[in-house]
Amino acid sequence: MPLISVKNLEKIYADDGISTPALRGVSFDIEKGGFIAIMGPSGSGKSTLLHILGFLDRQTGGTYLFDGKAIDDYNDLGLAHVRNKKMGFVFQTFNLLARSSVLDNVKLPLLYSDVPESQWDGLALKSIESVGLSNRLAHDPSQLSGGERQRVAIARALVLDPEVLFADEPTGNLDSKSGQLVMETIQRLNEEHHHTIILITHETYTAEHAERILRIHDGRIESDTAVKRRRNGNIFVK
């Protein structure tokens, strides 16, 4: 059973009596442990799609099943519970607390969880180690490079061990070298730790770290193809 399954997904925004379709009959599945990149120009619907997949918004029409259960079967509280427990988010802006250490930033989601406080340090340290920043525990964001800040954001998103990681333009504020390191980190999380990754990007170079690229235009899927994956600057076949 796919982790994510959408069929004929539609989203229409209404403003002052004017209806604007953002998604028009989108259908696809994502298996557990998959890595999919969603590409498209500005206004194509990719961010709307991410918001629906991440339980941040609801569709207007069609069906969305997450782990076999329809989004329509959840009330808003239920959506928030699944989102906090099973989904992690990384954005173009790092959204770190400026005056808090790396360790404290990564522990932040645990404050709103049912995990006993006695386990917080251990979980945060494990997550920080997974992104290669164990030597930066006491640093605050101002002491880190852009790439390191994004890796802290990834560690924070992973601290509750979500089933799926949503990465929305995670290299958009980074230079090419830092962006490459961030994408190698995300790819390793997929390959070695089997996290399901959904990446939103407009950069082909970034998308090539995925195993599959879904291209969207004017709210419709233009193509959905398996790709040769990029590793350490080179293309290889998974």
C-alpha atoms as a PDB file:
ATOM      1  CA  MET A   1       0.000   0.000   0.000  1.00  0.00           C
ATOM      2  CA  PRO A   2       1.411   3.404  -0.954  1.00  0.00           C
ATOM      3  CA  LEU A   3       2.218   5.834   1.843  1.00  0.00           C
ATOM      4  CA  ILE A   4       0.613   8.617  -0.203  1.00  0.00           C
ATOM      5  CA  SER A   5      -2.073   8.209  -2.850  1.00  0.00           C
ATOM      6  CA  VAL A   6      -3.870  11.077  -4.571  1.00  0.00           C
ATOM      7  CA  LYS A   7      -6.511  10.729  -7.266  1.00  0.00           C
ATOM      8  CA  ASN A   8      -8.097  13.494  -9.326  1.00  0.00           C
ATOM      9  CA  LEU A   9      -6.959  16.044  -6.740  1.00  0.00           C
ATOM     10  CA  GLU A  10      -8.363  19.529  -7.263  1.00  0.00           C
ATOM     11  CA  LYS A  11      -7.900  22.816  -5.453  1.00  0.00           C
ATOM     12  CA  ILE A  12      -9.873  25.953  -6.262  1.00  0.00           C
ATOM     13  CA  TYR A  13      -9.327  29.280  -4.542  1.00  0.00           C
ATOM     14  CA  ALA A  14     -12.270  31.666  -4.381  1.00  0.00           C
ATOM     15  CA  ASP A  15     -11.794  35.410  -3.914  1.00  0.00           C
ATOM     16  CA  ASP A  16     -14.545  37.979  -4.313  1.00  0.00           C
ATOM     17  CA  GLY A  17     -16.611  35.526  -6.297  1.00  0.00           C
ATOM     18  CA  ILE A  18     -13.750  34.690  -8.670  1.00  0.00           C
ATOM     19  CA  SER A  19     -12.646  31.052  -8.755  1.00  0.00           C
ATOM     20  CA  THR A  20      -9.014  30.262  -9.526  1.00  0.00           C
ATOM     21  CA  PRO A  21      -8.057  26.603 -10.019  1.00  0.00           C
ATOM     22  CA  ALA A  22      -4.634  25.716  -8.602  1.00  0.00           C
ATOM     23  CA  LEU A  23      -4.765  21.933  -9.071  1.00  0.00           C
ATOM     24  CA  ARG A  24      -6.667  20.201 -11.856  1.00  0.00           C
ATOM     25  CA  GLY A  25      -7.126  16.436 -11.541  1.00  0.00           C
ATOM     26  CA  VAL A  26      -3.720  15.473 -10.119  1.00  0.00           C
ATOM     27  CA  SER A  27      -3.135  11.726  -9.547  1.00  0.00           C
ATOM     28  CA  PHE A  28      -0.066   9.790  -8.346  1.00  0.00           C
ATOM     29  CA  ASP A  29       1.212   7.432  -5.618  1.00  0.00           C
ATOM     30  CA  ILE A  30       4.337   7.610  -3.454  1.00  0.00           C
ATOM     31  CA  GLU A  31       5.651   4.444  -1.859  1.00  0.00           C
ATOM     32  CA  LYS A  32       7.163   4.326   1.624  1.00  0.00           C
ATOM     33  CA  GLY A  33      10.865   5.116   1.385  1.00  0.00           C
ATOM     34  CA  GLY A  34      10.467   6.895  -1.956  1.00  0.00           C
ATOM     35  CA  PHE A  35      12.167  10.133  -2.966  1.00  0.00           C
ATOM     36  CA  ILE A  36      10.155  12.313  -5.332  1.00  0.00           C
ATOM     37  CA  ALA A  37      10.972  15.788  -6.601  1.00  0.00           C
ATOM     38  CA  ILE A  38       8.073  18.015  -7.638  1.00  0.00           C
ATOM     39  CA  MET A  39       9.086  20.635 -10.204  1.00  0.00           C
ATOM     40  CA  GLY A  40       7.261  23.459 -11.898  1.00  0.00           C
ATOM     41  CA  PRO A  41       7.371  27.203 -12.578  1.00  0.00           C
ATOM     42  CA  SER A  42       5.996  29.790 -10.183  1.00  0.00           C
ATOM     43  CA  GLY A  43       2.219  29.489 -10.035  1.00  0.00           C
ATOM     44  CA  SER A  44       2.197  25.929 -11.341  1.00  0.00           C
ATOM     45  CA  GLY A  45       0.528  24.510  -8.228  1.00  0.00           C
ATOM     46  CA  LYS A  46       3.499  22.765  -6.643  1.00  0.00           C
ATOM     47  CA  SER A  47       3.323  24.690  -3.358  1.00  0.00           C
ATOM     48  CA  THR A  48      -0.440  24.144  -3.175  1.00  0.00           C
ATOM     49  CA  LEU A  49       0.184  20.446  -3.684  1.00  0.00           C
ATOM     50  CA  LEU A  50       2.787  20.383  -0.908  1.00  0.00           C
ATOM     51  CA  HIS A  51       0.406  22.132   1.493  1.00  0.00           C
ATOM     52  CA  ILE A  52      -2.266  19.515   0.858  1.00  0.00           C
ATOM     53  CA  LEU A  53       0.137  16.576   1.078  1.00  0.00           C
ATOM     54  CA  GLY A  54       1.536  18.005   4.321  1.00  0.00           C
ATOM     55  CA  PHE A  55      -1.922  18.381   5.910  1.00  0.00           C
ATOM     56  CA  LEU A  56      -1.552  22.169   5.903  1.00  0.00           C
ATOM     57  CA  ASP A  57      -4.575  22.600   3.626  1.00  0.00           C
ATOM     58  CA  ARG A  58      -7.452  20.553   2.233  1.00  0.00           C
ATOM     59  CA  GLN A  59      -8.304  19.783  -1.366  1.00  0.00           C
ATOM     60  CA  THR A  60     -11.491  21.021  -3.042  1.00  0.00           C
ATOM     61  CA  GLY A  61     -12.091  17.790  -4.924  1.00  0.00           C
ATOM     62  CA  GLY A  62     -10.635  14.335  -5.430  1.00  0.00           C
ATOM     63  CA  THR A  63      -9.143  12.042  -2.791  1.00  0.00           C
ATOM     64  CA  TYR A  64      -5.946  12.013  -0.756  1.00  0.00           C
ATOM     65  CA  LEU A  65      -5.008   8.948   1.274  1.00  0.00           C
ATOM     66  CA  PHE A  66      -2.105   9.042   3.730  1.00  0.00           C
ATOM     67  CA  ASP A  67      -1.071   5.605   4.974  1.00  0.00           C
ATOM     68  CA  GLY A  68      -4.402   4.237   3.784  1.00  0.00           C
ATOM     69  CA  LYS A  69      -6.632   6.818   5.469  1.00  0.00           C
ATOM     70  CA  ALA A  70      -8.404   9.649   3.652  1.00  0.00           C
ATOM     71  CA  ILE A  71      -7.658  13.219   4.690  1.00  0.00           C
ATOM     72  CA  ASP A  72     -11.424  13.809   4.714  1.00  0.00           C
ATOM     73  CA  ASP A  73     -11.715  11.363   7.642  1.00  0.00           C
ATOM     74  CA  TYR A  74      -9.699  13.697   9.915  1.00  0.00           C
ATOM     75  CA  ASN A  75     -10.961  16.749  11.750  1.00  0.00           C
ATOM     76  CA  ASP A  76      -8.568  19.674  12.115  1.00  0.00           C
ATOM     77  CA  LEU A  77      -7.214  18.360  15.423  1.00  0.00           C
ATOM     78  CA  GLY A  78      -6.601  14.971  13.846  1.00  0.00           C
ATOM     79  CA  LEU A  79      -4.765  16.571  10.942  1.00  0.00           C
ATOM     80  CA  ALA A  80      -2.525  18.484  13.358  1.00  0.00           C
ATOM     81  CA  HIS A  81      -1.763  15.294  15.302  1.00  0.00           C
ATOM     82  CA  VAL A  82      -0.721  13.345  12.199  1.00  0.00           C
ATOM     83  CA  ARG A  83       1.251  16.315  10.854  1.00  0.00           C
ATOM     84  CA  ASN A  84       3.208  16.716  14.093  1.00  0.00           C
ATOM     85  CA  LYS A  85       3.845  13.012  14.563  1.00  0.00           C
ATOM     86  CA  LYS A  86       4.406  11.674  11.054  1.00  0.00           C
ATOM     87  CA  MET A  87       5.555  14.661   8.969  1.00  0.00           C
ATOM     88  CA  GLY A  88       8.658  16.827   9.068  1.00  0.00           C
ATOM     89  CA  PHE A  89       9.102  20.099   7.170  1.00  0.00           C
ATOM     90  CA  VAL A  90      12.168  21.947   5.874  1.00  0.00           C
ATOM     91  CA  PHE A  91      11.739  25.339   4.206  1.00  0.00           C
ATOM     92  CA  GLN A  92      13.876  27.708   2.151  1.00  0.00           C
ATOM     93  CA  THR A  93      14.141  30.006   5.174  1.00  0.00           C
ATOM     94  CA  PHE A  94      15.665  28.053   8.020  1.00  0.00           C
ATOM     95  CA  ASN A  95      13.308  29.349  10.753  1.00  0.00           C
ATOM     96  CA  LEU A  96      15.828  28.758  13.539  1.00  0.00           C
ATOM     97  CA  LEU A  97      15.736  30.512  16.909  1.00  0.00           C
ATOM     98  CA  ALA A  98      18.567  33.034  16.675  1.00  0.00           C
ATOM     99  CA  ARG A  99      19.602  32.976  20.335  1.00  0.00           C
ATOM    100  CA  SER A 100      19.302  29.240  20.896  1.00  0.00           C
ATOM    101  CA  SER A 101      21.970  26.601  20.407  1.00  0.00           C
ATOM    102  CA  VAL A 102      21.869  23.919  17.742  1.00  0.00           C
ATOM    103  CA  LEU A 103      20.831  21.413  20.402  1.00  0.00           C
ATOM    104  CA  ASP A 104      17.984  23.586  21.681  1.00  0.00           C
ATOM    105  CA  ASN A 105      16.753  24.355  18.161  1.00  0.00           C
ATOM    106  CA  VAL A 106      16.564  20.664  17.325  1.00  0.00           C
ATOM    107  CA  LYS A 107      14.757  19.887  20.605  1.00  0.00           C
ATOM    108  CA  LEU A 108      12.028  22.429  19.869  1.00  0.00           C
ATOM    109  CA  PRO A 109       9.448  20.005  18.346  1.00  0.00           C
ATOM    110  CA  LEU A 110       9.782  17.794  21.419  1.00  0.00           C
ATOM    111  CA  LEU A 111       8.282  20.561  23.563  1.00  0.00           C
ATOM    112  CA  TYR A 112       4.946  19.935  21.847  1.00  0.00           C
ATOM    113  CA  SER A 113       5.130  16.139  21.836  1.00  0.00           C
ATOM    114  CA  ASP A 114       4.249  13.423  24.335  1.00  0.00           C
ATOM    115  CA  VAL A 115       7.891  12.288  24.498  1.00  0.00           C
ATOM    116  CA  PRO A 116       9.200  12.310  28.112  1.00  0.00           C
ATOM    117  CA  GLU A 117      11.659  15.142  28.739  1.00  0.00           C
ATOM    118  CA  SER A 118      14.250  12.632  29.904  1.00  0.00           C
ATOM    119  CA  GLN A 119      14.548  11.437  26.272  1.00  0.00           C
ATOM    120  CA  TRP A 120      14.835  14.825  24.593  1.00  0.00           C
ATOM    121  CA  ASP A 121      18.621  15.187  24.626  1.00  0.00           C
ATOM    122  CA  GLY A 122      19.166  11.667  23.318  1.00  0.00           C
ATOM    123  CA  LEU A 123      16.734  12.076  20.442  1.00  0.00           C
ATOM    124  CA  ALA A 124      18.130  15.478  19.500  1.00  0.00           C
ATOM    125  CA  LEU A 125      21.724  14.253  19.597  1.00  0.00           C
ATOM    126  CA  LYS A 126      20.843  11.302  17.359  1.00  0.00           C
ATOM    127  CA  SER A 127      19.128  13.598  14.876  1.00  0.00           C
ATOM    128  CA  ILE A 128      22.035  16.065  14.862  1.00  0.00           C
ATOM    129  CA  GLU A 129      24.489  13.235  14.299  1.00  0.00           C
ATOM    130  CA  SER A 130      22.458  12.057  11.291  1.00  0.00           C
ATOM    131  CA  VAL A 131      23.165  15.371   9.523  1.00  0.00           C
ATOM    132  CA  GLY A 132      26.832  15.476  10.511  1.00  0.00           C
ATOM    133  CA  LEU A 133      26.751  18.370  12.985  1.00  0.00           C
ATOM    134  CA  SER A 134      27.697  16.742  16.280  1.00  0.00           C
ATOM    135  CA  ASN A 135      30.604  19.201  16.564  1.00  0.00           C
ATOM    136  CA  ARG A 136      28.230  22.202  16.501  1.00  0.00           C
ATOM    137  CA  LEU A 137      25.926  21.432  19.439  1.00  0.00           C
ATOM    138  CA  ALA A 138      26.588  24.609  21.417  1.00  0.00           C
ATOM    139  CA  HIS A 139      26.775  26.983  18.448  1.00  0.00           C
ATOM    140  CA  ASP A 140      23.937  29.382  17.738  1.00  0.00           C
ATOM    141  CA  PRO A 141      22.773  30.030  14.149  1.00  0.00           C
ATOM    142  CA  SER A 142      24.905  33.166  13.721  1.00  0.00           C
ATOM    143  CA  GLN A 143      27.999  30.980  14.087  1.00  0.00           C
ATOM    144  CA  LEU A 144      26.966  28.598  11.304  1.00  0.00           C
ATOM    145  CA  SER A 145      27.158  28.734   7.525  1.00  0.00           C
ATOM    146  CA  GLY A 146      23.950  28.746   5.494  1.00  0.00           C
ATOM    147  CA  GLY A 147      24.359  25.078   4.659  1.00  0.00           C
ATOM    148  CA  GLU A 148      24.899  24.195   8.318  1.00  0.00           C
ATOM    149  CA  ARG A 149      21.782  26.130   9.295  1.00  0.00           C
ATOM    150  CA  GLN A 150      19.735  24.185   6.790  1.00  0.00           C
ATOM    151  CA  ARG A 151      21.142  20.914   8.122  1.00  0.00           C
ATOM    152  CA  VAL A 152      20.089  22.002  11.626  1.00  0.00           C
ATOM    153  CA  ALA A 153      16.595  22.618  10.221  1.00  0.00           C
ATOM    154  CA  ILE A 154      16.649  19.109   8.734  1.00  0.00           C
ATOM    155  CA  ALA A 155      17.730  17.627  12.082  1.00  0.00           C
ATOM    156  CA  ARG A 156      14.882  19.483  13.794  1.00  0.00           C
ATOM    157  CA  ALA A 157      12.399  18.121  11.232  1.00  0.00           C
ATOM    158  CA  LEU A 158      13.651  14.577  11.868  1.00  0.00           C
ATOM    159  CA  VAL A 159      13.807  14.611  15.671  1.00  0.00           C
ATOM    160  CA  LEU A 160      10.401  12.925  16.033  1.00  0.00           C
ATOM    161  CA  ASP A 161      11.315  10.365  13.340  1.00  0.00           C
ATOM    162  CA  PRO A 162       8.542  11.289  10.871  1.00  0.00           C
ATOM    163  CA  GLU A 163       7.450   8.967   8.109  1.00  0.00           C
ATOM    164  CA  VAL A 164       7.873  11.655   5.465  1.00  0.00           C
ATOM    165  CA  LEU A 165      10.094  14.717   5.120  1.00  0.00           C
ATOM    166  CA  PHE A 166       8.793  17.620   3.036  1.00  0.00           C
ATOM    167  CA  ALA A 167      11.590  19.863   1.727  1.00  0.00           C
ATOM    168  CA  ASP A 168      10.348  23.094   0.123  1.00  0.00           C
ATOM    169  CA  GLU A 169      13.157  24.694  -1.937  1.00  0.00           C
ATOM    170  CA  PRO A 170      15.725  23.679   0.729  1.00  0.00           C
ATOM    171  CA  THR A 171      18.685  25.024  -1.295  1.00  0.00           C
ATOM    172  CA  GLY A 172      17.020  28.247  -2.442  1.00  0.00           C
ATOM    173  CA  ASN A 173      19.050  30.474  -0.095  1.00  0.00           C
ATOM    174  CA  LEU A 174      22.337  28.613  -0.471  1.00  0.00           C
ATOM    175  CA  ASP A 175      25.362  28.811  -2.735  1.00  0.00           C
ATOM    176  CA  SER A 176      25.967  25.822  -5.001  1.00  0.00           C
ATOM    177  CA  LYS A 177      28.513  24.121  -2.719  1.00  0.00           C
ATOM    178  CA  SER A 178      26.345  24.427   0.400  1.00  0.00           C
ATOM    179  CA  GLY A 179      23.301  23.352  -1.581  1.00  0.00           C
ATOM    180  CA  GLN A 180      25.123  20.257  -2.780  1.00  0.00           C
ATOM    181  CA  LEU A 181      26.002  19.288   0.812  1.00  0.00           C
ATOM    182  CA  VAL A 182      22.401  19.767   1.920  1.00  0.00           C
ATOM    183  CA  MET A 183      21.087  17.620  -0.930  1.00  0.00           C
ATOM    184  CA  GLU A 184      23.647  14.904  -0.215  1.00  0.00           C
ATOM    185  CA  THR A 185      22.423  14.931   3.392  1.00  0.00           C
ATOM    186  CA  ILE A 186      18.787  14.583   2.305  1.00  0.00           C
ATOM    187  CA  GLN A 187      19.670  11.844  -0.174  1.00  0.00           C
ATOM    188  CA  ARG A 188      21.577   9.921   2.509  1.00  0.00           C
ATOM    189  CA  LEU A 189      18.563  10.128   4.834  1.00  0.00           C
ATOM    190  CA  ASN A 190      16.521   8.509   2.094  1.00  0.00           C
ATOM    191  CA  GLU A 191      19.021   5.827   1.116  1.00  0.00           C
ATOM    192  CA  GLU A 192      20.402   4.864   4.516  1.00  0.00           C
ATOM    193  CA  HIS A 193      17.583   5.731   6.914  1.00  0.00           C
ATOM    194  CA  HIS A 194      14.698   5.117   4.480  1.00  0.00           C
ATOM    195  CA  HIS A 195      12.864   8.376   5.129  1.00  0.00           C
ATOM    196  CA  THR A 196      10.283   9.182   2.459  1.00  0.00           C
ATOM    197  CA  ILE A 197      11.286  12.499   0.865  1.00  0.00           C
ATOM    198  CA  ILE A 198       9.062  14.928  -1.043  1.00  0.00           C
ATOM    199  CA  LEU A 199      11.155  17.735  -2.497  1.00  0.00           C
ATOM    200  CA  ILE A 200       9.773  20.928  -4.031  1.00  0.00           C
ATOM    201  CA  THR A 201      12.313  22.599  -6.317  1.00  0.00           C
ATOM    202  CA  HIS A 202      12.693  24.566  -9.532  1.00  0.00           C
ATOM    203  CA  GLU A 203      16.331  23.444  -9.961  1.00  0.00           C
ATOM    204  CA  THR A 204      16.990  20.430 -12.176  1.00  0.00           C
ATOM    205  CA  TYR A 205      20.367  19.900 -10.477  1.00  0.00           C
ATOM    206  CA  THR A 206      18.625  19.602  -7.105  1.00  0.00           C
ATOM    207  CA  ALA A 207      15.813  17.400  -8.429  1.00  0.00           C
ATOM    208  CA  GLU A 208      18.326  14.892  -9.807  1.00  0.00           C
ATOM    209  CA  HIS A 209      19.048  13.731  -6.253  1.00  0.00           C
ATOM    210  CA  ALA A 210      15.568  12.179  -6.260  1.00  0.00           C
ATOM    211  CA  GLU A 211      14.663   8.859  -7.835  1.00  0.00           C
ATOM    212  CA  ARG A 212      11.628  10.301  -9.561  1.00  0.00           C
ATOM    213  CA  ILE A 213      10.628  13.728 -10.885  1.00  0.00           C
ATOM    214  CA  LEU A 214       7.042  14.875 -11.143  1.00  0.00           C
ATOM    215  CA  ARG A 215       6.636  17.988 -13.307  1.00  0.00           C
ATOM    216  CA  ILE A 216       3.553  20.133 -12.818  1.00  0.00           C
ATOM    217  CA  HIS A 217       2.300  23.015 -14.962  1.00  0.00           C
ATOM    218  CA  ASP A 218      -0.925  25.027 -14.672  1.00  0.00           C
ATOM    219  CA  GLY A 219      -2.158  22.655 -11.993  1.00  0.00           C
ATOM    220  CA  ARG A 220      -1.726  19.527 -14.102  1.00  0.00           C
ATOM    221  CA  ILE A 221       0.974  16.859 -14.146  1.00  0.00           C
ATOM    222  CA  GLU A 222       3.044  17.152 -17.306  1.00  0.00           C
ATOM    223  CA  SER A 223       5.275  14.160 -16.622  1.00  0.00           C
ATOM    224  CA  ASP A 224       6.115  11.654 -13.906  1.00  0.00           C
ATOM    225  CA  THR A 225       9.380   9.894 -14.635  1.00  0.00           C
ATOM    226  CA  ALA A 226      12.070   7.820 -12.957  1.00  0.00           C
ATOM    227  CA  VAL A 227      15.481   9.462 -13.242  1.00  0.00           C
ATOM    228  CA  LYS A 228      19.143   8.787 -12.914  1.00  0.00           C
ATOM    229  CA  ARG A 229      20.159  10.029  -9.490  1.00  0.00           C
ATOM    230  CA  ARG A 230      22.951  12.434  -8.653  1.00  0.00           C
ATOM    231  CA  ARG A 231      25.558  11.580  -6.032  1.00  0.00           C
ATOM    232  CA  ASN A 232      28.661  13.574  -5.106  1.00  0.00           C
ATOM    233  CA  GLY A 233      28.288  15.670  -8.225  1.00  0.00           C
ATOM    234  CA  ASN A 234      27.890  12.641 -10.521  1.00  0.00           C
ATOM    235  CA  ILE A 235      24.863  10.950 -12.062  1.00  0.00           C
ATOM    236  CA  PHE A 236      24.267   7.302 -11.271  1.00  0.00           C
ATOM    237  CA  VAL A 237      21.468   4.779 -11.752  1.00  0.00           C
ATOM    238  CA  LYS A 238      19.835   3.535  -8.572  1.00  0.00           C
END
